[in-house]
Amino acid sequence: MAVPKRRVSKARRDKRRSNVWKMEPVALVKCPQCGEAKRPHRLCTACGYYNGKQVISVD
């Protein structure tokens, strides 16, 4: 059976519950072609461009 061998101290418990482990928001950059916000190093979903070249055609 999984039973703790030692009691967890208040400091250790509170460190685990602190806000240190929260995730950061997604970084966004402006697309140089259309100005829409997009994630870095990814295709722009608004215009279909990546690295100055049109990769897909968007209607």
C-alpha atoms as a PDB file:
ATOM      1  CA  MET A   1       0.000   0.000   0.000  1.00  0.00           C
ATOM      2  CA  ALA A   2       1.292   3.508  -0.811  1.00  0.00           C
ATOM      3  CA  VAL A   3       1.692   5.221   2.538  1.00  0.00           C
ATOM      4  CA  PRO A   4       4.050   8.169   3.154  1.00  0.00           C
ATOM      5  CA  LYS A   5       7.044   7.152   5.248  1.00  0.00           C
ATOM      6  CA  ARG A   6       7.572  10.675   6.628  1.00  0.00           C
ATOM      7  CA  ARG A   7       5.250  13.606   7.157  1.00  0.00           C
ATOM      8  CA  VAL A   8       5.526  16.311   4.488  1.00  0.00           C
ATOM      9  CA  SER A   9       6.642  19.585   6.061  1.00  0.00           C
ATOM     10  CA  LYS A  10       4.596  22.780   5.654  1.00  0.00           C
ATOM     11  CA  ALA A  11       7.383  24.411   3.656  1.00  0.00           C
ATOM     12  CA  ARG A  12       7.632  21.488   1.233  1.00  0.00           C
ATOM     13  CA  ARG A  13       3.847  21.301   0.882  1.00  0.00           C
ATOM     14  CA  ASP A  14       3.529  25.053   0.289  1.00  0.00           C
ATOM     15  CA  LYS A  15       6.343  25.060  -2.285  1.00  0.00           C
ATOM     16  CA  ARG A  16       4.442  22.461  -4.259  1.00  0.00           C
ATOM     17  CA  ARG A  17       1.229  24.510  -4.069  1.00  0.00           C
ATOM     18  CA  SER A  18       2.902  27.786  -5.053  1.00  0.00           C
ATOM     19  CA  ASN A  19       2.456  29.542  -8.376  1.00  0.00           C
ATOM     20  CA  VAL A  20       5.937  28.634  -9.618  1.00  0.00           C
ATOM     21  CA  TRP A  21       4.568  25.717 -11.634  1.00  0.00           C
ATOM     22  CA  LYS A  22       2.002  27.660 -13.670  1.00  0.00           C
ATOM     23  CA  MET A  23       2.416  27.688 -17.430  1.00  0.00           C
ATOM     24  CA  GLU A  24       3.383  30.833 -19.299  1.00  0.00           C
ATOM     25  CA  PRO A  25       1.109  32.285 -21.974  1.00  0.00           C
ATOM     26  CA  VAL A  26       1.807  31.460 -25.618  1.00  0.00           C
ATOM     27  CA  ALA A  27       4.226  33.878 -27.295  1.00  0.00           C
ATOM     28  CA  LEU A  28       2.787  35.748 -30.269  1.00  0.00           C
ATOM     29  CA  VAL A  29       4.501  37.765 -33.002  1.00  0.00           C
ATOM     30  CA  LYS A  30       3.133  39.915 -35.793  1.00  0.00           C
ATOM     31  CA  CYS A  31       3.095  38.384 -39.267  1.00  0.00           C
ATOM     32  CA  PRO A  32       5.269  40.520 -41.595  1.00  0.00           C
ATOM     33  CA  GLN A  33       2.905  39.919 -44.534  1.00  0.00           C
ATOM     34  CA  CYS A  34      -0.554  40.626 -43.110  1.00  0.00           C
ATOM     35  CA  GLY A  35       0.092  41.892 -39.561  1.00  0.00           C
ATOM     36  CA  GLU A  36      -1.993  39.169 -37.941  1.00  0.00           C
ATOM     37  CA  ALA A  37      -0.804  37.725 -34.602  1.00  0.00           C
ATOM     38  CA  LYS A  38       0.757  34.271 -34.984  1.00  0.00           C
ATOM     39  CA  ARG A  39       3.031  31.912 -33.081  1.00  0.00           C
ATOM     40  CA  PRO A  40       6.738  32.246 -33.912  1.00  0.00           C
ATOM     41  CA  HIS A  41       8.315  29.792 -36.400  1.00  0.00           C
ATOM     42  CA  ARG A  42       4.911  28.698 -37.656  1.00  0.00           C
ATOM     43  CA  LEU A  43       2.793  29.237 -40.733  1.00  0.00           C
ATOM     44  CA  CYS A  44       0.449  32.235 -40.623  1.00  0.00           C
ATOM     45  CA  THR A  45      -3.102  30.898 -40.680  1.00  0.00           C
ATOM     46  CA  ALA A  46      -4.499  34.211 -41.949  1.00  0.00           C
ATOM     47  CA  CYS A  47      -2.400  34.626 -45.124  1.00  0.00           C
ATOM     48  CA  GLY A  48      -0.612  31.268 -45.557  1.00  0.00           C
ATOM     49  CA  TYR A  49       2.928  32.715 -45.596  1.00  0.00           C
ATOM     50  CA  TYR A  50       5.990  31.364 -43.814  1.00  0.00           C
ATOM     51  CA  ASN A  51       9.459  32.918 -43.986  1.00  0.00           C
ATOM     52  CA  GLY A  52       8.440  35.282 -46.803  1.00  0.00           C
ATOM     53  CA  LYS A  53       7.049  32.538 -49.056  1.00  0.00           C
ATOM     54  CA  GLN A  54       3.471  31.498 -49.640  1.00  0.00           C
ATOM     55  CA  VAL A  55       3.131  27.921 -48.461  1.00  0.00           C
ATOM     56  CA  ILE A  56      -0.635  27.417 -48.705  1.00  0.00           C
ATOM     57  CA  SER A  57      -3.353  29.389 -50.435  1.00  0.00           C
ATOM     58  CA  VAL A  58      -5.909  30.825 -48.024  1.00  0.00           C
ATOM     59  CA  ASP A  59      -9.291  32.042 -49.257  1.00  0.00           C
END
